[in-house]
Amino acid sequence: MTRQAAKMPEDASKVVAARIRAGRWEGALYRPGATPPTAELWLGDARVGPVEVQPGETPGVWRLFATIPAERLTDGIQTFLLRDVASGETLAHFSVLIGAALDADLRAEVDLLRAELDILKTALRRHCTGSGK
């Protein structure tokens, strides 16, 4: 984490590590300065909970924890935002995909991407063959 943080500009705020474990989002926010962020978890235009902030092991790194409310999880895609209370800045976001209906949607998207990739491969082959003469 320190190596990644060292490459960022002095005024940058960026989540450098994140995961979901046991219904709780965890992340490490790189943010220069000694003042810890005050953050909230949002879904759409509704505040759904607080974000716990703890100092990280390195100066300028803050550990963030947000419990994902089970009652907010429904079929489809839910995108949660972690926002800074003072500035309104989105510190991080994550999406949760749930439901059998998504299987068909995702398969259709993958099929579409494969078809587009085939078109690109064909065009590239034509280009390479034509330019080699």
N, C-alpha and C. Protein backbone atom coordinates (compact mmCIF):
# COMPACT_ATOMS: atom_id res chain seq x y z
N MET A 1 0.83 -1.19 0.00
CA MET A 1 0.00 0.00 0.00
C MET A 1 0.87 1.25 0.00
N THR A 2 1.98 1.26 0.70
CA THR A 2 2.84 2.42 0.77
C THR A 2 3.40 2.77 -0.59
N ARG A 3 3.77 1.76 -1.37
CA ARG A 3 4.32 2.01 -2.69
C ARG A 3 3.30 2.71 -3.58
N GLN A 4 2.03 2.27 -3.53
CA GLN A 4 0.98 2.92 -4.33
C GLN A 4 0.75 4.34 -3.85
N ALA A 5 0.70 4.54 -2.54
CA ALA A 5 0.42 5.86 -1.99
C ALA A 5 1.52 6.85 -2.35
N ALA A 6 2.76 6.39 -2.45
CA ALA A 6 3.87 7.28 -2.74
C ALA A 6 3.77 7.87 -4.14
N LYS A 7 3.10 7.22 -5.07
CA LYS A 7 2.99 7.68 -6.45
C LYS A 7 1.90 8.73 -6.64
N MET A 8 1.05 8.94 -5.65
CA MET A 8 -0.08 9.84 -5.81
C MET A 8 0.32 11.29 -5.53
N PRO A 9 -0.35 12.24 -6.17
CA PRO A 9 -0.10 13.65 -5.88
C PRO A 9 -0.43 13.96 -4.43
N GLU A 10 0.17 15.02 -3.92
CA GLU A 10 0.00 15.38 -2.51
C GLU A 10 -1.45 15.64 -2.12
N ASP A 11 -2.27 16.15 -3.04
CA ASP A 11 -3.63 16.51 -2.69
C ASP A 11 -4.65 15.44 -3.09
N ALA A 12 -4.20 14.26 -3.52
CA ALA A 12 -5.10 13.22 -4.00
C ALA A 12 -5.77 12.48 -2.84
N SER A 13 -7.01 12.07 -3.06
CA SER A 13 -7.73 11.18 -2.15
C SER A 13 -8.10 9.97 -2.97
N LYS A 14 -7.69 8.79 -2.52
CA LYS A 14 -7.97 7.60 -3.30
C LYS A 14 -8.03 6.38 -2.40
N VAL A 15 -8.99 5.50 -2.68
CA VAL A 15 -9.06 4.23 -1.98
C VAL A 15 -8.05 3.31 -2.65
N VAL A 16 -7.10 2.81 -1.86
CA VAL A 16 -6.02 2.00 -2.42
C VAL A 16 -6.22 0.51 -2.14
N ALA A 17 -7.17 0.16 -1.32
CA ALA A 17 -7.47 -1.26 -1.06
C ALA A 17 -8.91 -1.34 -0.58
N ALA A 18 -9.65 -2.33 -1.09
CA ALA A 18 -11.05 -2.48 -0.67
C ALA A 18 -11.49 -3.92 -0.84
N ARG A 19 -12.45 -4.31 0.02
CA ARG A 19 -13.05 -5.65 -0.08
C ARG A 19 -14.35 -5.66 0.71
N ILE A 20 -15.16 -6.68 0.46
CA ILE A 20 -16.38 -6.90 1.24
C ILE A 20 -16.20 -8.23 1.94
N ARG A 21 -16.46 -8.21 3.24
CA ARG A 21 -16.31 -9.42 4.04
C ARG A 21 -17.41 -9.44 5.09
N ALA A 22 -18.20 -10.52 5.09
CA ALA A 22 -19.27 -10.72 6.07
C ALA A 22 -20.24 -9.54 6.11
N GLY A 23 -20.62 -9.04 4.93
CA GLY A 23 -21.59 -7.95 4.86
C GLY A 23 -21.05 -6.60 5.25
N ARG A 24 -19.74 -6.47 5.28
CA ARG A 24 -19.12 -5.21 5.69
C ARG A 24 -18.05 -4.83 4.67
N TRP A 25 -18.17 -3.61 4.15
CA TRP A 25 -17.19 -3.09 3.21
C TRP A 25 -16.01 -2.55 4.01
N GLU A 26 -14.80 -2.86 3.56
CA GLU A 26 -13.59 -2.37 4.21
C GLU A 26 -12.69 -1.76 3.15
N GLY A 27 -12.11 -0.63 3.45
CA GLY A 27 -11.20 -0.01 2.50
C GLY A 27 -10.15 0.83 3.20
N ALA A 28 -9.09 1.14 2.46
CA ALA A 28 -8.03 2.00 2.96
C ALA A 28 -8.00 3.24 2.08
N LEU A 29 -8.22 4.39 2.69
CA LEU A 29 -8.25 5.66 1.96
C LEU A 29 -6.94 6.38 2.17
N TYR A 30 -6.28 6.70 1.06
CA TYR A 30 -5.08 7.53 1.13
C TYR A 30 -5.54 8.98 1.01
N ARG A 31 -5.27 9.75 2.05
CA ARG A 31 -5.63 11.16 2.03
C ARG A 31 -4.62 11.92 2.89
N PRO A 32 -3.82 12.75 2.27
CA PRO A 32 -2.83 13.50 3.03
C PRO A 32 -3.49 14.40 4.07
N GLY A 33 -2.81 14.63 5.14
CA GLY A 33 -3.32 15.51 6.19
C GLY A 33 -3.67 14.72 7.43
N ALA A 34 -3.71 15.40 8.54
CA ALA A 34 -3.92 14.74 9.82
C ALA A 34 -5.39 14.62 10.21
N THR A 35 -6.28 15.30 9.49
CA THR A 35 -7.69 15.28 9.85
C THR A 35 -8.39 14.07 9.24
N PRO A 36 -8.99 13.24 10.08
CA PRO A 36 -9.69 12.07 9.52
C PRO A 36 -10.97 12.51 8.80
N PRO A 37 -11.32 11.82 7.72
CA PRO A 37 -12.57 12.16 7.04
C PRO A 37 -13.77 11.70 7.87
N THR A 38 -14.86 12.40 7.72
CA THR A 38 -16.14 11.96 8.29
C THR A 38 -16.96 11.52 7.09
N ALA A 39 -17.38 10.26 7.08
CA ALA A 39 -18.02 9.73 5.88
C ALA A 39 -19.34 9.04 6.21
N GLU A 40 -20.18 8.93 5.18
CA GLU A 40 -21.47 8.25 5.29
C GLU A 40 -21.64 7.33 4.08
N LEU A 41 -22.44 6.29 4.28
CA LEU A 41 -22.75 5.35 3.21
C LEU A 41 -24.09 5.76 2.59
N TRP A 42 -24.12 5.85 1.26
CA TRP A 42 -25.31 6.27 0.53
C TRP A 42 -25.69 5.22 -0.51
N LEU A 43 -26.98 5.10 -0.74
CA LEU A 43 -27.52 4.29 -1.83
C LEU A 43 -28.52 5.18 -2.55
N GLY A 44 -28.19 5.54 -3.79
CA GLY A 44 -29.03 6.50 -4.50
C GLY A 44 -28.97 7.84 -3.78
N ASP A 45 -30.13 8.39 -3.48
CA ASP A 45 -30.16 9.68 -2.78
C ASP A 45 -30.48 9.52 -1.29
N ALA A 46 -30.31 8.30 -0.77
CA ALA A 46 -30.63 8.05 0.64
C ALA A 46 -29.37 7.66 1.43
N ARG A 47 -29.23 8.30 2.57
CA ARG A 47 -28.15 7.92 3.49
C ARG A 47 -28.57 6.63 4.17
N VAL A 48 -27.70 5.60 4.12
CA VAL A 48 -28.07 4.31 4.68
C VAL A 48 -27.24 3.92 5.89
N GLY A 49 -26.26 4.71 6.25
CA GLY A 49 -25.50 4.39 7.45
C GLY A 49 -24.21 5.17 7.57
N PRO A 50 -23.62 5.08 8.74
CA PRO A 50 -22.35 5.76 8.97
C PRO A 50 -21.18 4.92 8.44
N VAL A 51 -20.05 5.55 8.30
CA VAL A 51 -18.81 4.88 7.94
C VAL A 51 -17.85 5.07 9.10
N GLU A 52 -17.35 3.96 9.61
CA GLU A 52 -16.38 4.02 10.71
C GLU A 52 -15.01 4.33 10.12
N VAL A 53 -14.30 5.26 10.74
CA VAL A 53 -12.99 5.68 10.26
C VAL A 53 -11.96 5.43 11.36
N GLN A 54 -10.88 4.75 11.01
CA GLN A 54 -9.78 4.49 11.95
C GLN A 54 -8.47 4.89 11.28
N PRO A 55 -7.50 5.33 12.07
CA PRO A 55 -6.19 5.64 11.47
C PRO A 55 -5.55 4.38 10.92
N GLY A 56 -4.86 4.52 9.80
CA GLY A 56 -4.14 3.39 9.21
C GLY A 56 -2.75 3.27 9.80
N GLU A 57 -2.00 2.33 9.28
CA GLU A 57 -0.64 2.09 9.77
C GLU A 57 0.35 3.12 9.27
N THR A 58 0.00 3.81 8.18
CA THR A 58 0.87 4.79 7.55
C THR A 58 0.23 6.17 7.66
N PRO A 59 1.02 7.22 7.90
CA PRO A 59 0.43 8.57 7.93
C PRO A 59 -0.29 8.87 6.62
N GLY A 60 -1.45 9.47 6.72
CA GLY A 60 -2.24 9.81 5.54
C GLY A 60 -3.13 8.70 5.04
N VAL A 61 -3.12 7.55 5.72
CA VAL A 61 -3.98 6.43 5.33
C VAL A 61 -5.02 6.22 6.43
N TRP A 62 -6.28 6.11 6.00
CA TRP A 62 -7.39 5.92 6.93
C TRP A 62 -8.12 4.65 6.57
N ARG A 63 -8.42 3.83 7.54
CA ARG A 63 -9.19 2.61 7.32
C ARG A 63 -10.67 2.94 7.46
N LEU A 64 -11.46 2.55 6.45
CA LEU A 64 -12.89 2.84 6.42
C LEU A 64 -13.66 1.52 6.51
N PHE A 65 -14.76 1.53 7.28
CA PHE A 65 -15.60 0.35 7.43
C PHE A 65 -17.06 0.78 7.32
N ALA A 66 -17.84 0.06 6.52
CA ALA A 66 -19.27 0.37 6.36
C ALA A 66 -20.05 -0.94 6.31
N THR A 67 -21.03 -1.06 7.18
CA THR A 67 -21.90 -2.23 7.17
C THR A 67 -22.94 -2.05 6.08
N ILE A 68 -23.11 -3.08 5.24
CA ILE A 68 -24.09 -3.03 4.16
C ILE A 68 -25.43 -3.47 4.74
N PRO A 69 -26.43 -2.58 4.79
CA PRO A 69 -27.72 -2.95 5.37
C PRO A 69 -28.43 -4.02 4.53
N ALA A 70 -28.74 -5.14 5.16
CA ALA A 70 -29.39 -6.26 4.45
C ALA A 70 -30.71 -5.84 3.83
N GLU A 71 -31.44 -4.95 4.48
CA GLU A 71 -32.75 -4.54 3.95
C GLU A 71 -32.63 -3.73 2.66
N ARG A 72 -31.43 -3.25 2.33
CA ARG A 72 -31.21 -2.49 1.09
C ARG A 72 -30.82 -3.37 -0.08
N LEU A 73 -30.57 -4.66 0.19
CA LEU A 73 -30.16 -5.57 -0.87
C LEU A 73 -31.38 -6.22 -1.51
N THR A 74 -31.55 -5.99 -2.81
CA THR A 74 -32.67 -6.55 -3.57
C THR A 74 -32.13 -7.06 -4.90
N ASP A 75 -32.98 -7.76 -5.66
CA ASP A 75 -32.56 -8.22 -6.98
C ASP A 75 -32.12 -7.04 -7.83
N GLY A 76 -31.06 -7.25 -8.55
CA GLY A 76 -30.55 -6.20 -9.43
C GLY A 76 -29.19 -5.73 -8.98
N ILE A 77 -28.86 -4.53 -9.36
CA ILE A 77 -27.56 -3.94 -9.03
C ILE A 77 -27.78 -2.75 -8.12
N GLN A 78 -27.13 -2.76 -6.99
CA GLN A 78 -27.15 -1.61 -6.08
C GLN A 78 -25.73 -1.05 -6.01
N THR A 79 -25.59 0.24 -6.24
CA THR A 79 -24.29 0.88 -6.15
C THR A 79 -24.30 1.79 -4.93
N PHE A 80 -23.41 1.48 -4.00
CA PHE A 80 -23.28 2.24 -2.76
C PHE A 80 -22.13 3.23 -2.91
N LEU A 81 -22.31 4.40 -2.32
CA LEU A 81 -21.28 5.44 -2.34
C LEU A 81 -20.84 5.74 -0.91
N LEU A 82 -19.55 5.95 -0.71
CA LEU A 82 -19.03 6.44 0.56
C LEU A 82 -18.67 7.89 0.31
N ARG A 83 -19.39 8.79 0.98
CA ARG A 83 -19.21 10.22 0.74
C ARG A 83 -18.64 10.93 1.96
N ASP A 84 -17.78 11.89 1.68
CA ASP A 84 -17.25 12.76 2.72
C ASP A 84 -18.36 13.72 3.13
N VAL A 85 -18.66 13.79 4.42
CA VAL A 85 -19.75 14.63 4.91
C VAL A 85 -19.46 16.11 4.65
N ALA A 86 -18.23 16.54 4.90
CA ALA A 86 -17.88 17.96 4.79
C ALA A 86 -17.92 18.46 3.35
N SER A 87 -17.34 17.70 2.42
CA SER A 87 -17.20 18.18 1.04
C SER A 87 -18.22 17.59 0.08
N GLY A 88 -18.85 16.48 0.45
CA GLY A 88 -19.75 15.79 -0.46
C GLY A 88 -19.01 14.94 -1.48
N GLU A 89 -17.69 14.93 -1.43
CA GLU A 89 -16.86 14.15 -2.35
C GLU A 89 -17.15 12.65 -2.18
N THR A 90 -17.23 11.95 -3.28
CA THR A 90 -17.36 10.49 -3.23
C THR A 90 -15.97 9.91 -3.02
N LEU A 91 -15.77 9.28 -1.88
CA LEU A 91 -14.48 8.72 -1.53
C LEU A 91 -14.28 7.36 -2.19
N ALA A 92 -15.37 6.59 -2.28
CA ALA A 92 -15.31 5.26 -2.88
C ALA A 92 -16.72 4.84 -3.26
N HIS A 93 -16.82 3.83 -4.07
CA HIS A 93 -18.11 3.25 -4.41
C HIS A 93 -17.93 1.76 -4.65
N PHE A 94 -19.00 1.03 -4.48
CA PHE A 94 -18.98 -0.40 -4.79
C PHE A 94 -20.38 -0.82 -5.20
N SER A 95 -20.44 -1.85 -6.03
CA SER A 95 -21.72 -2.34 -6.52
C SER A 95 -21.93 -3.77 -6.04
N VAL A 96 -23.19 -4.09 -5.75
CA VAL A 96 -23.58 -5.43 -5.34
C VAL A 96 -24.59 -5.91 -6.38
N LEU A 97 -24.34 -7.08 -6.97
CA LEU A 97 -25.22 -7.66 -7.97
C LEU A 97 -25.88 -8.88 -7.37
N ILE A 98 -27.21 -8.93 -7.42
CA ILE A 98 -27.95 -10.02 -6.78
C ILE A 98 -29.08 -10.48 -7.71
N GLY A 99 -29.31 -11.79 -7.74
CA GLY A 99 -30.50 -12.32 -8.39
C GLY A 99 -30.23 -13.15 -9.61
N ALA A 100 -31.13 -14.08 -9.85
CA ALA A 100 -31.02 -14.98 -11.00
C ALA A 100 -31.22 -14.23 -12.31
N ALA A 101 -32.01 -13.17 -12.29
CA ALA A 101 -32.26 -12.42 -13.52
C ALA A 101 -30.97 -11.84 -14.09
N LEU A 102 -30.00 -11.57 -13.22
CA LEU A 102 -28.74 -11.01 -13.68
C LEU A 102 -27.94 -11.99 -14.52
N ASP A 103 -28.10 -13.29 -14.26
CA ASP A 103 -27.36 -14.28 -15.03
C ASP A 103 -27.59 -14.09 -16.52
N ALA A 104 -28.84 -13.94 -16.92
CA ALA A 104 -29.16 -13.77 -18.33
C ALA A 104 -28.60 -12.44 -18.85
N ASP A 105 -28.73 -11.37 -18.05
CA ASP A 105 -28.20 -10.07 -18.46
C ASP A 105 -26.69 -10.14 -18.66
N LEU A 106 -26.00 -10.75 -17.70
CA LEU A 106 -24.54 -10.83 -17.80
C LEU A 106 -24.12 -11.71 -18.97
N ARG A 107 -24.82 -12.79 -19.19
CA ARG A 107 -24.49 -13.65 -20.32
C ARG A 107 -24.70 -12.91 -21.64
N ALA A 108 -25.77 -12.16 -21.72
CA ALA A 108 -26.04 -11.38 -22.94
C ALA A 108 -24.93 -10.35 -23.16
N GLU A 109 -24.48 -9.69 -22.10
CA GLU A 109 -23.41 -8.70 -22.21
C GLU A 109 -22.11 -9.36 -22.67
N VAL A 110 -21.80 -10.53 -22.09
CA VAL A 110 -20.58 -11.25 -22.49
C VAL A 110 -20.68 -11.67 -23.95
N ASP A 111 -21.84 -12.15 -24.38
CA ASP A 111 -22.02 -12.53 -25.78
C ASP A 111 -21.83 -11.33 -26.70
N LEU A 112 -22.37 -10.18 -26.30
CA LEU A 112 -22.21 -8.96 -27.09
C LEU A 112 -20.75 -8.55 -27.17
N LEU A 113 -20.04 -8.61 -26.04
CA LEU A 113 -18.62 -8.27 -26.03
C LEU A 113 -17.82 -9.21 -26.91
N ARG A 114 -18.15 -10.50 -26.88
CA ARG A 114 -17.46 -11.47 -27.74
C ARG A 114 -17.69 -11.15 -29.21
N ALA A 115 -18.93 -10.81 -29.55
CA ALA A 115 -19.24 -10.47 -30.95
C ALA A 115 -18.46 -9.23 -31.37
N GLU A 116 -18.40 -8.23 -30.51
CA GLU A 116 -17.66 -7.01 -30.84
C GLU A 116 -16.17 -7.31 -30.96
N LEU A 117 -15.65 -8.18 -30.11
CA LEU A 117 -14.25 -8.56 -30.20
C LEU A 117 -13.96 -9.28 -31.51
N ASP A 118 -14.87 -10.14 -31.93
CA ASP A 118 -14.70 -10.83 -33.22
C ASP A 118 -14.65 -9.83 -34.37
N ILE A 119 -15.50 -8.82 -34.32
CA ILE A 119 -15.50 -7.78 -35.36
C ILE A 119 -14.16 -7.05 -35.37
N LEU A 120 -13.66 -6.70 -34.19
CA LEU A 120 -12.38 -6.01 -34.11
C LEU A 120 -11.23 -6.88 -34.62
N LYS A 121 -11.26 -8.16 -34.27
CA LYS A 121 -10.21 -9.07 -34.73
C LYS A 121 -10.23 -9.17 -36.25
N THR A 122 -11.40 -9.28 -36.83
CA THR A 122 -11.53 -9.36 -38.28
C THR A 122 -10.99 -8.09 -38.94
N ALA A 123 -11.37 -6.95 -38.39
CA ALA A 123 -10.91 -5.67 -38.95
C ALA A 123 -9.40 -5.53 -38.82
N LEU A 124 -8.84 -5.96 -37.71
CA LEU A 124 -7.40 -5.88 -37.51
C LEU A 124 -6.67 -6.79 -38.48
N ARG A 125 -7.19 -7.99 -38.67
CA ARG A 125 -6.57 -8.92 -39.63
C ARG A 125 -6.58 -8.34 -41.04
N ARG A 126 -7.71 -7.74 -41.43
CA ARG A 126 -7.80 -7.13 -42.77
C ARG A 126 -6.80 -5.99 -42.90
N HIS A 127 -6.70 -5.19 -41.85
CA HIS A 127 -5.78 -4.07 -41.87
C HIS A 127 -4.34 -4.55 -41.99
N CYS A 128 -3.97 -5.56 -41.19
CA CYS A 128 -2.60 -6.07 -41.21
C CYS A 128 -2.27 -6.74 -42.53
N THR A 129 -3.22 -7.47 -43.09
CA THR A 129 -3.03 -8.14 -44.37
C THR A 129 -2.89 -7.11 -45.48
N GLY A 130 -3.71 -6.08 -45.46
CA GLY A 130 -3.69 -5.05 -46.49
C GLY A 130 -2.45 -4.18 -46.41
N SER A 131 -1.95 -3.91 -45.22
CA SER A 131 -0.79 -3.04 -45.09
C SER A 131 0.52 -3.78 -45.31
N GLY A 132 0.46 -5.12 -45.32
CA GLY A 132 1.67 -5.90 -45.51
C GLY A 132 2.07 -6.03 -46.96
N LYS A 133 1.24 -5.58 -47.88
CA LYS A 133 1.53 -5.73 -49.33
C LYS A 133 2.34 -4.59 -49.86
